[in-house]
C-alpha atoms as a PDB file:
ATOM      1  CA  MET A   1      17.653 -13.201  12.159  1.00  0.00           C
ATOM      2  CA  SER A   2      14.763 -15.576  11.404  1.00  0.00           C
ATOM      3  CA  ILE A   3      11.668 -15.375  13.551  1.00  0.00           C
ATOM      4  CA  ARG A   4      12.185 -18.956  14.739  1.00  0.00           C
ATOM      5  CA  THR A   5      15.749 -18.136  15.840  1.00  0.00           C
ATOM      6  CA  ARG A   6      14.548 -15.062  17.696  1.00  0.00           C
ATOM      7  CA  ILE A   7      11.867 -17.065  19.502  1.00  0.00           C
ATOM      8  CA  THR A   8      14.290 -19.862  20.349  1.00  0.00           C
ATOM      9  CA  ASP A   9      16.913 -17.445  21.685  1.00  0.00           C
ATOM     10  CA  GLU A  10      14.343 -15.667  23.846  1.00  0.00           C
ATOM     11  CA  ILE A  11      13.067 -18.932  25.332  1.00  0.00           C
ATOM     12  CA  ARG A  12      16.595 -20.084  26.119  1.00  0.00           C
ATOM     13  CA  SER A  13      17.423 -16.804  27.850  1.00  0.00           C
ATOM     14  CA  GLN A  14      14.102 -16.107  29.601  1.00  0.00           C
ATOM     15  CA  GLY A  15      12.330 -19.439  29.890  1.00  0.00           C
ATOM     16  CA  PRO A  16       9.042 -20.633  28.370  1.00  0.00           C
ATOM     17  CA  MET A  17       7.280 -17.852  26.470  1.00  0.00           C
ATOM     18  CA  PRO A  18       3.674 -16.732  27.125  1.00  0.00           C
ATOM     19  CA  PHE A  19       1.618 -17.576  24.073  1.00  0.00           C
ATOM     20  CA  GLU A  20       0.628 -13.957  23.494  1.00  0.00           C
ATOM     21  CA  ARG A  21       4.318 -13.059  23.206  1.00  0.00           C
ATOM     22  CA  TYR A  22       4.798 -15.887  20.710  1.00  0.00           C
ATOM     23  CA  MET A  23       1.765 -14.683  18.748  1.00  0.00           C
ATOM     24  CA  GLU A  24       3.016 -11.094  18.798  1.00  0.00           C
ATOM     25  CA  LEU A  25       6.373 -12.110  17.348  1.00  0.00           C
ATOM     26  CA  THR A  26       5.077 -14.558  14.749  1.00  0.00           C
ATOM     27  CA  LEU A  27       2.459 -12.140  13.436  1.00  0.00           C
ATOM     28  CA  TYR A  28       3.812  -8.616  13.934  1.00  0.00           C
ATOM     29  CA  ASP A  29       7.609  -8.777  14.143  1.00  0.00           C
ATOM     30  CA  ALA A  30       9.451  -7.335  11.134  1.00  0.00           C
ATOM     31  CA  GLU A  31      10.041 -10.940  10.028  1.00  0.00           C
ATOM     32  CA  GLY A  32       6.583 -12.099  11.089  1.00  0.00           C
ATOM     33  CA  PHE A  33       3.524 -12.997   9.055  1.00  0.00           C
ATOM     34  CA  TYR A  34       2.243  -9.423   8.670  1.00  0.00           C
ATOM     35  CA  GLY A  35       5.633  -7.754   8.928  1.00  0.00           C
ATOM     36  CA  ARG A  36       7.009  -8.995   5.645  1.00  0.00           C
ATOM     37  CA  GLY A  37       5.964 -10.204   2.211  1.00  0.00           C
ATOM     38  CA  ARG A  38       2.809  -9.716   0.224  1.00  0.00           C
ATOM     39  CA  LEU A  39      -0.659  -8.549   1.122  1.00  0.00           C
ATOM     40  CA  ARG A  40      -2.267 -11.305   3.162  1.00  0.00           C
ATOM     41  CA  SER A  41      -5.973 -10.495   2.745  1.00  0.00           C
ATOM     42  CA  ALA A  42      -6.354 -10.926  -1.004  1.00  0.00           C
ATOM     43  CA  LYS A  43      -7.041 -13.561  -3.651  1.00  0.00           C
ATOM     44  CA  ALA A  44      -3.286 -13.958  -4.106  1.00  0.00           C
ATOM     45  CA  GLY A  45      -2.687 -13.981  -0.356  1.00  0.00           C
ATOM     46  CA  ASP A  46      -3.649 -16.280   2.510  1.00  0.00           C
ATOM     47  CA  PHE A  47      -7.284 -15.466   3.257  1.00  0.00           C
ATOM     48  CA  MET A  48     -10.168 -13.267   2.110  1.00  0.00           C
ATOM     49  CA  THR A  49     -12.490 -11.237   4.300  1.00  0.00           C
ATOM     50  CA  SER A  50     -15.937  -9.853   3.491  1.00  0.00           C
ATOM     51  CA  PRO A  51     -14.628  -6.718   1.687  1.00  0.00           C
ATOM     52  CA  GLU A  52     -12.642  -8.885  -0.739  1.00  0.00           C
ATOM     53  CA  VAL A  53     -15.655 -11.120  -1.330  1.00  0.00           C
ATOM     54  CA  SER A  54     -17.892  -8.212  -2.374  1.00  0.00           C
ATOM     55  CA  ARG A  55     -17.486  -4.473  -2.736  1.00  0.00           C
ATOM     56  CA  LEU A  56     -21.088  -4.170  -1.537  1.00  0.00           C
ATOM     57  CA  PHE A  57     -19.772  -4.797   1.983  1.00  0.00           C
ATOM     58  CA  GLY A  58     -18.042  -1.413   1.985  1.00  0.00           C
ATOM     59  CA  GLU A  59     -20.888   0.279   0.113  1.00  0.00           C
ATOM     60  CA  THR A  60     -23.385  -0.979   2.693  1.00  0.00           C
ATOM     61  CA  LEU A  61     -21.259   0.116   5.649  1.00  0.00           C
ATOM     62  CA  ALA A  62     -21.196   3.562   4.029  1.00  0.00           C
ATOM     63  CA  VAL A  63     -24.893   3.832   4.896  1.00  0.00           C
ATOM     64  CA  TYR A  64     -24.062   3.370   8.570  1.00  0.00           C
ATOM     65  CA  VAL A  65     -21.150   5.825   8.437  1.00  0.00           C
ATOM     66  CA  ASP A  66     -23.369   8.460   6.816  1.00  0.00           C
ATOM     67  CA  LYS A  67     -26.032   7.973   9.502  1.00  0.00           C
ATOM     68  CA  GLU A  68     -23.451   8.473  12.231  1.00  0.00           C
ATOM     69  CA  ARG A  69     -22.105  11.594  10.524  1.00  0.00           C
ATOM     70  CA  ARG A  70     -25.589  13.079  10.458  1.00  0.00           C
ATOM     71  CA  ARG A  71     -26.164  12.044  14.093  1.00  0.00           C
ATOM     72  CA  ILE A  72     -23.048  13.638  15.631  1.00  0.00           C
ATOM     73  CA  GLY A  73     -22.275  16.321  13.031  1.00  0.00           C
ATOM     74  CA  GLU A  74     -18.878  17.803  12.204  1.00  0.00           C
ATOM     75  CA  PRO A  75     -15.984  17.431  12.666  1.00  0.00           C
ATOM     76  CA  PHE A  76     -16.182  13.792  11.620  1.00  0.00           C
ATOM     77  CA  GLN A  77     -13.563  11.164  10.804  1.00  0.00           C
ATOM     78  CA  LEU A  78     -13.691   7.546   9.719  1.00  0.00           C
ATOM     79  CA  VAL A  79     -10.924   5.280  11.041  1.00  0.00           C
ATOM     80  CA  GLU A  80     -10.442   1.718   9.866  1.00  0.00           C
ATOM     81  CA  ALA A  81      -8.212  -0.298  12.202  1.00  0.00           C
ATOM     82  CA  GLY A  82      -6.490  -3.120  10.369  1.00  0.00           C
ATOM     83  CA  ALA A  83      -7.332  -1.685   6.949  1.00  0.00           C
ATOM     84  CA  GLY A  84      -5.376  -4.245   4.916  1.00  0.00           C
ATOM     85  CA  SER A  85      -5.360  -3.434   1.218  1.00  0.00           C
ATOM     86  CA  GLY A  86      -8.228  -0.963   1.511  1.00  0.00           C
ATOM     87  CA  SER A  87     -10.857  -3.280   0.059  1.00  0.00           C
ATOM     88  CA  LEU A  88     -13.378  -2.013   2.621  1.00  0.00           C
ATOM     89  CA  LEU A  89     -12.419   1.656   2.602  1.00  0.00           C
ATOM     90  CA  ARG A  90     -12.291   2.146  -1.152  1.00  0.00           C
ATOM     91  CA  PRO A  91     -15.954   1.351  -2.003  1.00  0.00           C
ATOM     92  CA  LEU A  92     -17.097   2.955   1.264  1.00  0.00           C
ATOM     93  CA  LEU A  93     -15.403   6.262   0.460  1.00  0.00           C
ATOM     94  CA  GLU A  94     -16.620   6.122  -3.127  1.00  0.00           C
ATOM     95  CA  THR A  95     -20.151   5.937  -1.694  1.00  0.00           C
ATOM     96  CA  VAL A  96     -19.856   8.573   1.043  1.00  0.00           C
ATOM     97  CA  ALA A  97     -17.067  11.154   1.078  1.00  0.00           C
ATOM     98  CA  VAL A  98     -15.694  11.610   4.602  1.00  0.00           C
ATOM     99  CA  PRO A  99     -12.194  12.248   5.991  1.00  0.00           C
ATOM    100  CA  ALA A 100     -10.624   8.838   6.562  1.00  0.00           C
ATOM    101  CA  LEU A 101      -7.571   7.280   8.161  1.00  0.00           C
ATOM    102  CA  ALA A 102      -6.356   3.734   7.505  1.00  0.00           C
ATOM    103  CA  VAL A 103      -4.515   2.228  10.490  1.00  0.00           C
ATOM    104  CA  GLU A 104      -2.371  -0.751   9.496  1.00  0.00           C
ATOM    105  CA  VAL A 105       0.764  -2.407  10.886  1.00  0.00           C
ATOM    106  CA  SER A 106       1.696  -4.326   7.730  1.00  0.00           C
ATOM    107  CA  PRO A 107       4.242  -2.393   5.628  1.00  0.00           C
ATOM    108  CA  ALA A 108       2.991  -4.077   2.442  1.00  0.00           C
ATOM    109  CA  ALA A 109      -0.577  -3.019   3.179  1.00  0.00           C
ATOM    110  CA  ARG A 110       0.415   0.552   4.063  1.00  0.00           C
ATOM    111  CA  ARG A 111       2.252   0.861   0.754  1.00  0.00           C
ATOM    112  CA  ALA A 112      -0.893  -0.243  -1.063  1.00  0.00           C
ATOM    113  CA  LEU A 113      -3.019   2.252   0.862  1.00  0.00           C
ATOM    114  CA  ALA A 114      -0.735   5.291   0.841  1.00  0.00           C
ATOM    115  CA  SER A 115      -1.409   6.243  -2.776  1.00  0.00           C
ATOM    116  CA  TRP A 116      -5.030   7.174  -2.099  1.00  0.00           C
ATOM    117  CA  VAL A 117      -5.754   7.500   1.640  1.00  0.00           C
ATOM    118  CA  GLU A 118      -3.964   8.770   4.739  1.00  0.00           C
ATOM    119  CA  THR A 119      -2.309   5.949   6.657  1.00  0.00           C
ATOM    120  CA  ALA A 120      -0.830   5.386  10.113  1.00  0.00           C
ATOM    121  CA  GLU A 121       0.708   2.507  12.010  1.00  0.00           C
ATOM    122  CA  GLU A 122      -1.074   3.473  15.229  1.00  0.00           C
ATOM    123  CA  ALA A 123      -4.560   4.770  15.957  1.00  0.00           C
ATOM    124  CA  PRO A 124      -5.040   8.500  16.639  1.00  0.00           C
ATOM    125  CA  GLU A 125      -5.273   9.715  20.216  1.00  0.00           C
ATOM    126  CA  THR A 126      -8.736  11.191  19.671  1.00  0.00           C
ATOM    127  CA  VAL A 127     -11.513  10.286  17.248  1.00  0.00           C
ATOM    128  CA  ARG A 128     -14.842  11.912  16.554  1.00  0.00           C
ATOM    129  CA  GLY A 129     -16.691   9.684  14.127  1.00  0.00           C
ATOM    130  CA  VAL A 130     -16.661   5.949  13.398  1.00  0.00           C
ATOM    131  CA  VAL A 131     -13.979   3.342  14.053  1.00  0.00           C
ATOM    132  CA  ILE A 132     -14.367   0.139  12.027  1.00  0.00           C
ATOM    133  CA  ALA A 133     -12.369  -3.018  12.700  1.00  0.00           C
ATOM    134  CA  ASN A 134     -13.144  -5.908  10.374  1.00  0.00           C
ATOM    135  CA  GLU A 135     -11.449  -9.182  11.365  1.00  0.00           C
ATOM    136  CA  LEU A 136      -8.864  -7.436  13.516  1.00  0.00           C
ATOM    137  CA  ILE A 137      -9.729  -8.624  17.022  1.00  0.00           C
ATOM    138  CA  ASP A 138      -9.220 -12.314  16.205  1.00  0.00           C
ATOM    139  CA  ASN A 139      -5.541 -11.579  15.424  1.00  0.00           C
ATOM    140  CA  LEU A 140      -4.683  -9.730  18.624  1.00  0.00           C
ATOM    141  CA  PRO A 141      -2.251 -11.721  20.830  1.00  0.00           C
ATOM    142  CA  MET A 142      -3.924 -13.949  23.410  1.00  0.00           C
ATOM    143  CA  ALA A 143      -2.856 -16.186  26.268  1.00  0.00           C
ATOM    144  CA  LEU A 144      -3.520 -19.914  26.029  1.00  0.00           C
ATOM    145  CA  ALA A 145      -4.637 -22.282  28.769  1.00  0.00           C
ATOM    146  CA  GLN A 146      -6.017 -25.803  29.233  1.00  0.00           C
ATOM    147  CA  MET A 147      -8.314 -27.246  31.852  1.00  0.00           C
ATOM    148  CA  SER A 148      -6.382 -29.820  33.883  1.00  0.00           C
ATOM    149  CA  GLY A 149      -7.394 -31.364  37.183  1.00  0.00           C
ATOM    150  CA  GLY A 150     -10.376 -29.055  37.463  1.00  0.00           C
ATOM    151  CA  GLU A 151      -8.383 -25.819  37.043  1.00  0.00           C
ATOM    152  CA  TRP A 152      -7.010 -23.721  34.229  1.00  0.00           C
ATOM    153  CA  ARG A 153      -3.307 -24.290  33.566  1.00  0.00           C
ATOM    154  CA  GLU A 154      -1.466 -21.888  31.307  1.00  0.00           C
ATOM    155  CA  ARG A 155       0.243 -23.272  28.219  1.00  0.00           C
ATOM    156  CA  ARG A 156       3.460 -21.480  27.315  1.00  0.00           C
ATOM    157  CA  VAL A 157       5.842 -22.066  24.418  1.00  0.00           C
ATOM    158  CA  GLY A 158       8.993 -23.994  25.308  1.00  0.00           C
ATOM    159  CA  LEU A 159      11.642 -26.111  23.629  1.00  0.00           C
ATOM    160  CA  ASP A 160      12.107 -29.844  23.209  1.00  0.00           C
ATOM    161  CA  GLY A 161      15.467 -29.975  21.486  1.00  0.00           C
ATOM    162  CA  TRP A 162      14.918 -27.754  18.451  1.00  0.00           C
ATOM    163  CA  ALA A 163      11.133 -28.209  18.401  1.00  0.00           C
ATOM    164  CA  LEU A 164       8.716 -25.638  19.805  1.00  0.00           C
ATOM    165  CA  VAL A 165       6.246 -27.263  22.197  1.00  0.00           C
ATOM    166  CA  PHE A 166       3.566 -26.289  24.694  1.00  0.00           C
ATOM    167  CA  VAL A 167       4.653 -26.558  28.328  1.00  0.00           C
ATOM    168  CA  ASP A 168       2.636 -26.357  31.529  1.00  0.00           C
ATOM    169  CA  ALA A 169       2.798 -23.263  33.754  1.00  0.00           C
ATOM    170  CA  ASP A 170       0.915 -21.737  36.668  1.00  0.00           C
ATOM    171  CA  PRO A 171      -1.645 -19.316  35.218  1.00  0.00           C
ATOM    172  CA  ARG A 172      -0.998 -15.639  35.751  1.00  0.00           C
ATOM    173  CA  PRO A 173      -3.765 -14.077  37.892  1.00  0.00           C
ATOM    174  CA  GLU A 174      -5.170 -11.972  35.046  1.00  0.00           C
ATOM    175  CA  VAL A 175      -5.312 -15.017  32.746  1.00  0.00           C
ATOM    176  CA  ALA A 176      -7.040 -17.172  35.378  1.00  0.00           C
ATOM    177  CA  GLU A 177      -9.539 -14.395  36.161  1.00  0.00           C
ATOM    178  CA  TRP A 178     -10.406 -13.899  32.472  1.00  0.00           C
ATOM    179  CA  LEU A 179     -10.980 -17.617  31.942  1.00  0.00           C
ATOM    180  CA  MET A 180     -13.089 -17.939  35.089  1.00  0.00           C
ATOM    181  CA  ARG A 181     -15.329 -15.129  33.798  1.00  0.00           C
ATOM    182  CA  PHE A 182     -15.506 -15.985  30.114  1.00  0.00           C
ATOM    183  CA  GLY A 183     -14.237 -19.550  29.716  1.00  0.00           C
ATOM    184  CA  GLY A 184     -17.395 -21.124  31.025  1.00  0.00           C
ATOM    185  CA  ASP A 185     -17.809 -24.481  32.711  1.00  0.00           C
ATOM    186  CA  ALA A 186     -15.097 -26.140  30.636  1.00  0.00           C
ATOM    187  CA  PRO A 187     -14.580 -29.920  30.691  1.00  0.00           C
ATOM    188  CA  GLU A 188     -11.296 -31.627  31.483  1.00  0.00           C
ATOM    189  CA  GLY A 189      -8.817 -31.077  28.642  1.00  0.00           C
ATOM    190  CA  ALA A 190     -10.641 -28.056  27.237  1.00  0.00           C
ATOM    191  CA  TRP A 191      -8.646 -25.194  25.761  1.00  0.00           C
ATOM    192  CA  GLY A 192      -9.212 -21.514  26.459  1.00  0.00           C
ATOM    193  CA  GLU A 193      -7.920 -18.392  24.715  1.00  0.00           C
ATOM    194  CA  ALA A 194      -7.703 -15.494  27.170  1.00  0.00           C
ATOM    195  CA  GLN A 195      -8.242 -12.443  24.967  1.00  0.00           C
ATOM    196  CA  LEU A 196      -6.914  -9.770  27.293  1.00  0.00           C
ATOM    197  CA  ALA A 197      -5.303  -7.722  24.509  1.00  0.00           C
ATOM    198  CA  ALA A 198      -8.663  -7.506  22.717  1.00  0.00           C
ATOM    199  CA  GLN A 199     -10.271  -6.014  25.808  1.00  0.00           C
ATOM    200  CA  ASP A 200      -7.360  -3.605  26.265  1.00  0.00           C
ATOM    201  CA  TRP A 201      -7.603  -2.511  22.617  1.00  0.00           C
ATOM    202  CA  LEU A 202     -11.312  -1.829  22.980  1.00  0.00           C
ATOM    203  CA  VAL A 203     -10.880   0.151  26.211  1.00  0.00           C
ATOM    204  CA  ARG A 204      -8.152   2.314  24.623  1.00  0.00           C
ATOM    205  CA  THR A 205     -10.261   2.890  21.533  1.00  0.00           C
ATOM    206  CA  LEU A 206     -13.296   3.845  23.600  1.00  0.00           C
ATOM    207  CA  GLU A 207     -11.198   6.257  25.629  1.00  0.00           C
ATOM    208  CA  SER A 208     -10.100   7.935  22.399  1.00  0.00           C
ATOM    209  CA  LEU A 209     -13.675   8.177  21.044  1.00  0.00           C
ATOM    210  CA  GLN A 210     -15.125  11.600  21.815  1.00  0.00           C
ATOM    211  CA  ALA A 211     -18.402  10.928  20.003  1.00  0.00           C
ATOM    212  CA  GLY A 212     -19.575   8.397  17.454  1.00  0.00           C
ATOM    213  CA  SER A 213     -19.270   4.629  17.436  1.00  0.00           C
ATOM    214  CA  ILE A 214     -17.048   1.579  17.125  1.00  0.00           C
ATOM    215  CA  VAL A 215     -18.063  -1.227  14.782  1.00  0.00           C
ATOM    216  CA  LEU A 216     -16.278  -4.554  15.367  1.00  0.00           C
ATOM    217  CA  ILE A 217     -16.911  -7.308  12.808  1.00  0.00           C
ATOM    218  CA  ASP A 218     -15.432 -10.755  13.348  1.00  0.00           C
ATOM    219  CA  TYR A 219     -16.059 -14.455  13.663  1.00  0.00           C
ATOM    220  CA  GLY A 220     -16.860 -15.660  17.156  1.00  0.00           C
ATOM    221  CA  ASP A 221     -19.758 -15.673  19.573  1.00  0.00           C
ATOM    222  CA  THR A 222     -20.751 -14.975  23.148  1.00  0.00           C
ATOM    223  CA  ALA A 223     -19.096 -17.043  25.877  1.00  0.00           C
ATOM    224  CA  GLU A 224     -22.219 -19.208  25.984  1.00  0.00           C
ATOM    225  CA  GLY A 225     -22.231 -19.651  22.209  1.00  0.00           C
ATOM    226  CA  LEU A 226     -18.572 -20.694  22.199  1.00  0.00           C
ATOM    227  CA  HIS A 227     -19.046 -23.289  24.931  1.00  0.00           C
ATOM    228  CA  PRO A 228     -19.690 -26.241  22.553  1.00  0.00           C
ATOM    229  CA  ARG A 229     -16.312 -25.567  20.905  1.00  0.00           C
ATOM    230  CA  ARG A 230     -14.388 -25.237  24.134  1.00  0.00           C
ATOM    231  CA  TYR A 231     -13.044 -28.803  24.293  1.00  0.00           C
ATOM    232  CA  ALA A 232     -10.995 -28.523  21.103  1.00  0.00           C
ATOM    233  CA  GLY A 233     -10.551 -24.764  21.482  1.00  0.00           C
ATOM    234  CA  THR A 234     -10.786 -22.323  18.583  1.00  0.00           C
ATOM    235  CA  LEU A 235      -7.087 -21.547  18.034  1.00  0.00           C
ATOM    236  CA  ARG A 236      -6.049 -22.270  14.440  1.00  0.00           C
ATOM    237  CA  THR A 237      -3.891 -21.049  11.579  1.00  0.00           C
ATOM    238  CA  TYR A 238      -4.533 -20.077   7.956  1.00  0.00           C
ATOM    239  CA  GLN A 239      -2.160 -20.354   5.050  1.00  0.00           C
ATOM    240  CA  SER A 240      -2.903 -19.951   1.320  1.00  0.00           C
ATOM    241  CA  HIS A 241      -6.689 -19.895   1.885  1.00  0.00           C
ATOM    242  CA  HIS A 242      -6.729 -23.164   3.857  1.00  0.00           C
ATOM    243  CA  LEU A 243      -6.424 -24.218   7.461  1.00  0.00           C
ATOM    244  CA  GLY A 244      -2.704 -24.186   8.146  1.00  0.00           C
ATOM    245  CA  PRO A 245      -0.199 -26.103  10.278  1.00  0.00           C
ATOM    246  CA  HIS A 246      -0.066 -26.423  14.058  1.00  0.00           C
ATOM    247  CA  PRO A 247       0.497 -22.919  15.515  1.00  0.00           C
ATOM    248  CA  LEU A 248       4.010 -23.843  16.690  1.00  0.00           C
ATOM    249  CA  ASP A 249       5.188 -25.581  13.517  1.00  0.00           C
ATOM    250  CA  GLU A 250       5.868 -22.697  11.129  1.00  0.00           C
ATOM    251  CA  PRO A 251       6.220 -19.414  13.071  1.00  0.00           C
ATOM    252  CA  GLY A 252       5.878 -16.369  10.849  1.00  0.00           C
ATOM    253  CA  ARG A 253       4.566 -18.339   7.873  1.00  0.00           C
ATOM    254  CA  ALA A 254       0.908 -18.748   8.863  1.00  0.00           C
ATOM    255  CA  ASP A 255      -1.826 -16.570  10.302  1.00  0.00           C
ATOM    256  CA  ILE A 256      -2.788 -17.384  13.911  1.00  0.00           C
ATOM    257  CA  THR A 257      -6.342 -16.691  14.983  1.00  0.00           C
ATOM    258  CA  ALA A 258      -9.163 -17.722  17.316  1.00  0.00           C
ATOM    259  CA  ASP A 259     -12.876 -17.055  17.624  1.00  0.00           C
ATOM    260  CA  VAL A 260     -13.608 -13.746  19.326  1.00  0.00           C
ATOM    261  CA  ASN A 261     -15.306 -13.959  22.715  1.00  0.00           C
ATOM    262  CA  PHE A 262     -17.819 -11.130  22.376  1.00  0.00           C
ATOM    263  CA  SER A 263     -18.985 -11.451  25.986  1.00  0.00           C
ATOM    264  CA  ALA A 264     -15.551 -10.228  27.096  1.00  0.00           C
ATOM    265  CA  LEU A 265     -15.737  -7.251  24.736  1.00  0.00           C
ATOM    266  CA  ILE A 266     -19.237  -6.356  25.884  1.00  0.00           C
ATOM    267  CA  ALA A 267     -18.054  -6.482  29.509  1.00  0.00           C
ATOM    268  CA  ALA A 268     -15.139  -4.168  28.651  1.00  0.00           C
ATOM    269  CA  ALA A 269     -17.494  -1.674  26.975  1.00  0.00           C
ATOM    270  CA  GLU A 270     -20.191  -1.548  29.635  1.00  0.00           C
ATOM    271  CA  GLY A 271     -20.070   1.641  31.656  1.00  0.00           C
ATOM    272  CA  ARG A 272     -17.877   3.355  29.062  1.00  0.00           C
ATOM    273  CA  CYS A 273     -20.467   3.986  26.337  1.00  0.00           C
ATOM    274  CA  SER A 274     -24.079   4.871  25.632  1.00  0.00           C
ATOM    275  CA  SER A 275     -25.157   1.576  24.087  1.00  0.00           C
ATOM    276  CA  VAL A 276     -23.823  -1.845  23.095  1.00  0.00           C
ATOM    277  CA  GLU A 277     -25.539  -3.971  20.441  1.00  0.00           C
ATOM    278  CA  LEU A 278     -24.528  -7.384  19.098  1.00  0.00           C
ATOM    279  CA  HIS A 279     -25.888  -8.478  15.716  1.00  0.00           C
ATOM    280  CA  SER A 280     -25.201 -11.146  13.161  1.00  0.00           C
ATOM    281  CA  GLN A 281     -23.535  -9.761  10.039  1.00  0.00           C
ATOM    282  CA  ALA A 282     -26.574 -10.835   8.013  1.00  0.00           C
ATOM    283  CA  ASP A 283     -28.976  -8.865  10.225  1.00  0.00           C
ATOM    284  CA  PHE A 284     -26.701  -5.827  10.425  1.00  0.00           C
ATOM    285  CA  LEU A 285     -26.159  -5.531   6.665  1.00  0.00           C
ATOM    286  CA  SER A 286     -29.800  -6.292   5.890  1.00  0.00           C
ATOM    287  CA  ALA A 287     -30.924  -3.489   8.209  1.00  0.00           C
ATOM    288  CA  LEU A 288     -28.658  -1.146   6.217  1.00  0.00           C
ATOM    289  CA  GLY A 289     -30.360  -2.119   2.953  1.00  0.00           C
ATOM    290  CA  LEU A 290     -28.257  -4.929   1.491  1.00  0.00           C
ATOM    291  CA  GLU A 291     -31.226  -7.269   0.937  1.00  0.00           C
ATOM    292  CA  ASP A 292     -33.019  -4.476  -0.921  1.00  0.00           C
ATOM    293  CA  ARG A 293     -29.912  -3.937  -3.035  1.00  0.00           C
ATOM    294  CA  LEU A 294     -29.831  -7.643  -3.874  1.00  0.00           C
ATOM    295  CA  SER A 295     -33.466  -7.474  -4.997  1.00  0.00           C
ATOM    296  CA  GLU A 296     -32.610  -4.535  -7.251  1.00  0.00           C
ATOM    297  CA  LEU A 297     -29.679  -6.455  -8.737  1.00  0.00           C
ATOM    298  CA  ALA A 298     -31.890  -9.486  -9.384  1.00  0.00           C
ATOM    299  CA  ALA A 299     -34.442  -7.281 -11.174  1.00  0.00           C
ATOM    300  CA  ALA A 300     -31.708  -5.590 -13.226  1.00  0.00           C
ATOM    301  CA  GLU A 301     -30.247  -9.008 -14.082  1.00  0.00           C
ATOM    302  CA  LEU A 302     -33.632 -10.185 -15.341  1.00  0.00           C
ATOM    303  CA  GLU A 303     -34.077  -7.041 -17.428  1.00  0.00           C
ATOM    304  CA  ALA A 304     -30.625  -7.518 -18.958  1.00  0.00           C
ATOM    305  CA  ALA A 305     -31.556 -11.093 -19.860  1.00  0.00           C
ATOM    306  CA  ARG A 306     -34.759  -9.935 -21.506  1.00  0.00           C
ATOM    307  CA  SER A 307     -32.910  -7.305 -23.504  1.00  0.00           C
ATOM    308  CA  GLY A 308     -30.299  -9.810 -24.662  1.00  0.00           C
ATOM    309  CA  ASP A 309     -27.364  -8.008 -23.000  1.00  0.00           C
ATOM    310  CA  GLU A 310     -25.522 -11.144 -21.891  1.00  0.00           C
ATOM    311  CA  MET A 311     -22.379  -9.393 -20.668  1.00  0.00           C
ATOM    312  CA  LYS A 312     -24.385  -7.062 -18.428  1.00  0.00           C
ATOM    313  CA  ARG A 313     -26.440  -9.987 -17.123  1.00  0.00           C
ATOM    314  CA  LEU A 314     -23.323 -11.933 -16.184  1.00  0.00           C
ATOM    315  CA  ARG A 315     -21.759  -8.887 -14.525  1.00  0.00           C
ATOM    316  CA  LEU A 316     -24.880  -8.256 -12.451  1.00  0.00           C
ATOM    317  CA  ARG A 317     -25.177 -11.919 -11.547  1.00  0.00           C
ATOM    318  CA  ALA A 318     -21.572 -12.037 -10.306  1.00  0.00           C
ATOM    319  CA  LEU A 319     -22.118  -8.902  -8.213  1.00  0.00           C
ATOM    320  CA  ARG A 320     -25.323 -10.332  -6.727  1.00  0.00           C
ATOM    321  CA  THR A 321     -23.870 -13.788  -6.059  1.00  0.00           C
ATOM    322  CA  ASP A 322     -20.789 -12.404  -4.345  1.00  0.00           C
ATOM    323  CA  ALA A 323     -22.912 -10.123  -2.141  1.00  0.00           C
ATOM    324  CA  GLU A 324     -25.248 -12.980  -1.196  1.00  0.00           C
ATOM    325  CA  ALA A 325     -22.254 -14.683   0.425  1.00  0.00           C
ATOM    326  CA  LEU A 326     -22.114 -11.817   2.941  1.00  0.00           C
ATOM    327  CA  LEU A 327     -25.503 -12.922   4.285  1.00  0.00           C
ATOM    328  CA  HIS A 328     -25.115 -16.697   4.215  1.00  0.00           C
ATOM    329  CA  PRO A 329     -26.301 -18.045   7.603  1.00  0.00           C
ATOM    330  CA  ARG A 330     -23.616 -20.762   7.711  1.00  0.00           C
ATOM    331  CA  GLY A 331     -20.837 -18.517   6.469  1.00  0.00           C
ATOM    332  CA  LEU A 332     -20.078 -14.810   6.565  1.00  0.00           C
ATOM    333  CA  GLY A 333     -23.639 -13.972   7.555  1.00  0.00           C
ATOM    334  CA  ASP A 334     -23.050 -15.705  10.898  1.00  0.00           C
ATOM    335  CA  PHE A 335     -20.145 -13.383  11.759  1.00  0.00           C
ATOM    336  CA  LYS A 336     -20.901 -11.036  14.639  1.00  0.00           C
ATOM    337  CA  VAL A 337     -21.094  -7.235  14.555  1.00  0.00           C
ATOM    338  CA  LEU A 338     -20.591  -5.400  17.838  1.00  0.00           C
ATOM    339  CA  VAL A 339     -21.750  -1.769  17.677  1.00  0.00           C
ATOM    340  CA  ILE A 340     -20.650   0.448  20.566  1.00  0.00           C
ATOM    341  CA  THR A 341     -22.028   3.979  20.580  1.00  0.00           C
ATOM    342  CA  ARG A 342     -20.984   7.081  22.438  1.00  0.00           C
END
């Protein structure tokens, strides 16, 4: 059964579908975007994240993992949630050897990982160490609402003939409460993505963390920082490395995502941890030594040029240029890193 047929049948039998249910099916069903087909986070896939841009992303995070291991001692485990193809884990584990678990729902990704690291579809019940989630939170199912007549109205997925369309609905209390807290003073017509599942995921992960930290890396901002984008909303799709179709047009064939509201995550973490810190990716990686590494690469590149080793110079230049993208203030460097310590 196609994913569109499954969605259509469910709407006809149960009525308009909450958007988070639609997102869950289109992304994570066996016939959904991550449930079938090729690896999505890769040059040959639909998008690339920081680990695919440069292996120095994983190598730099290894510095943080090693610091945490020395801080809390043994036993120690590294868990990557949403590990994809392993482009983050592989250079990290080559830099610092620690027991590691890759948590991934995509069968294609788990097959790619299983040959060299332990894998699981669900996170372990207890963790003592570091949990890393790079561009995971933005894909967790979320409710959708729009400001209408001075109040938030939920937008569910319904049918107009054979077409999937947004339909108006009374907001569920938990959706309305989330948007009142984190949606800000939204203008008429503004869109809001109520990221309740992201908060739930963080609470569960914190409850499983005996000691150590959680590192969440994603695009987004605080509620205040997202306010200028609230009118159009941040919901969008990706397909073949470009912005994709309307979220309802091609279910299961495009990634669905939205900017992460880090204020909601910080609120979920408060009172459950020792400290919460929000950084830009540029600041976080620089503090772990990436800028120093770039300076070393530039010096090595110059030395290779002086010695006439053109192949080495080009190799070093490519490594340096790719890693510089991780710090770009109008690109990956502006991603946010939320570090929650226990």
